[in-house]
Amino acid sequence: MITETNAVSFRQNLGEMINQVQYRHDSIVINKDGKPVAALIDAGLFGRIRRMQDRFDALSSRMASAFAGIPEEDGLAEIDAIVAEERSALARKG
C-alpha cells in the first residue's frame, strides 16, 4: 500500500512509518507544499530499483555507442517507423 503524508506529519511519526515500511512493506510518499518530494520504501525494493537503474544505464550506454555515428533525425525516423509497424501489428491482432 502507498501512503501519502506531509513532511511535518512524517517527522512527528517517523518511528511508526518506518515500522509500516519494514513490517507491512508499505511505501510512504512525503509531500511538501502539496507536492511529492521523497519516498520511504523498504530496503529490498530500493535494492531492486538500484539494480534496474544500473541495467538501464548500461543498456542506454550501449545503445548510445551503437548509434553514435547515425544522425539524430535518421535514428528518430527509424524508431518512429518501428513503433508504427508494431502498433499496426497489434491493431491487426486485436
Protein backbone atom coordinates (compact mmCIF):
# COMPACT_ATOMS: atom_id res chain seq x y z
CA MET A 1 0.00 0.00 0.00
CA ILE A 2 1.17 3.53 -0.71
CA THR A 3 0.51 6.17 1.91
CA GLU A 4 0.94 9.90 1.43
CA THR A 5 1.85 12.27 4.22
CA ASN A 6 3.18 15.76 4.62
CA ALA A 7 6.69 16.50 5.88
CA VAL A 8 5.56 17.70 9.33
CA SER A 9 3.47 14.57 9.97
CA PHE A 10 6.33 12.43 8.66
CA ARG A 11 8.76 13.97 11.17
CA GLN A 12 6.27 13.53 14.01
CA ASN A 13 5.53 9.88 13.17
CA LEU A 14 8.86 8.70 11.80
CA GLY A 15 9.17 5.60 14.01
CA GLU A 16 5.67 4.41 13.19
CA MET A 17 6.21 5.00 9.49
CA ILE A 18 9.50 3.09 9.49
CA ASN A 19 7.65 0.15 11.07
CA GLN A 20 4.94 0.43 8.42
CA VAL A 21 7.56 0.16 5.70
CA GLN A 22 9.65 -2.51 7.41
CA TYR A 23 6.92 -4.88 8.54
CA ARG A 24 3.99 -4.22 6.21
CA HIS A 25 6.13 -3.42 3.15
CA ASP A 26 4.15 -0.23 2.58
CA SER A 27 5.62 2.77 0.81
CA ILE A 28 5.23 6.33 2.02
CA VAL A 29 5.27 9.38 -0.23
CA ILE A 30 6.28 12.55 1.59
CA ASN A 31 4.71 15.76 0.31
CA LYS A 32 5.91 19.29 0.88
CA ASP A 33 3.61 22.15 -0.07
CA GLY A 34 1.30 19.54 -1.61
CA LYS A 35 3.96 18.13 -3.96
CA PRO A 36 5.74 14.78 -3.62
CA VAL A 37 9.40 15.34 -2.70
CA ALA A 38 10.57 11.98 -1.33
CA ALA A 39 9.52 8.41 -0.65
CA LEU A 40 10.26 5.92 2.09
CA ILE A 41 10.40 2.37 0.76
CA ASP A 42 11.70 -0.90 2.15
CA ALA A 43 15.35 -1.72 1.58
CA GLY A 44 14.59 -4.74 -0.64
CA LEU A 45 12.57 -2.65 -3.07
CA PHE A 46 15.26 0.03 -3.04
CA GLY A 47 17.87 -2.59 -3.94
CA ARG A 48 15.76 -3.84 -6.86
CA ILE A 49 15.27 -0.27 -8.10
CA ARG A 50 19.02 0.37 -7.95
CA ARG A 51 19.77 -2.83 -9.90
CA MET A 52 17.17 -1.90 -12.53
CA GLN A 53 18.69 1.59 -12.79
CA ASP A 54 22.16 0.10 -13.26
CA ARG A 55 20.89 -2.22 -16.02
CA PHE A 56 19.02 0.66 -17.67
CA ASP A 57 22.13 2.86 -17.58
CA ALA A 58 24.25 0.08 -19.10
CA LEU A 59 21.68 -0.53 -21.86
CA SER A 60 21.39 3.21 -22.58
CA SER A 61 25.16 3.47 -22.84
CA ARG A 62 25.37 0.50 -25.23
CA MET A 63 22.59 1.96 -27.39
CA ALA A 64 24.26 5.38 -27.45
CA SER A 65 27.53 3.77 -28.57
CA ALA A 66 25.79 1.67 -31.22
CA PHE A 67 24.02 4.67 -32.73
CA ALA A 68 26.83 7.22 -32.26
CA GLY A 69 27.53 7.50 -35.98
CA ILE A 70 23.90 7.90 -37.05
CA PRO A 71 22.40 11.39 -37.41
CA GLU A 72 19.73 12.04 -34.78
CA GLU A 73 16.99 12.63 -37.38
CA ASP A 74 17.68 9.26 -39.02
CA GLY A 75 17.62 7.46 -35.68
CA LEU A 76 14.34 9.08 -34.67
CA ALA A 77 12.80 8.27 -38.05
CA GLU A 78 13.83 4.63 -37.64
CA ILE A 79 12.30 4.50 -34.16
CA ASP A 80 9.07 6.08 -35.43
CA ALA A 81 8.87 3.52 -38.25
CA ILE A 82 9.35 0.59 -35.86
CA VAL A 83 6.74 1.95 -33.43
CA ALA A 84 4.24 2.42 -36.28
CA GLU A 85 4.92 -1.12 -37.52
CA GLU A 86 4.37 -2.61 -34.05
CA ARG A 87 1.17 -0.63 -33.50
CA SER A 88 -0.12 -1.80 -36.85
CA ALA A 89 0.66 -5.42 -35.98
CA LEU A 90 -1.14 -5.07 -32.64
CA ALA A 91 -4.17 -3.50 -34.34
CA ARG A 92 -4.37 -6.45 -36.77
CA LYS A 93 -4.28 -8.92 -33.85
CA GLY A 94 -6.83 -7.06 -31.76
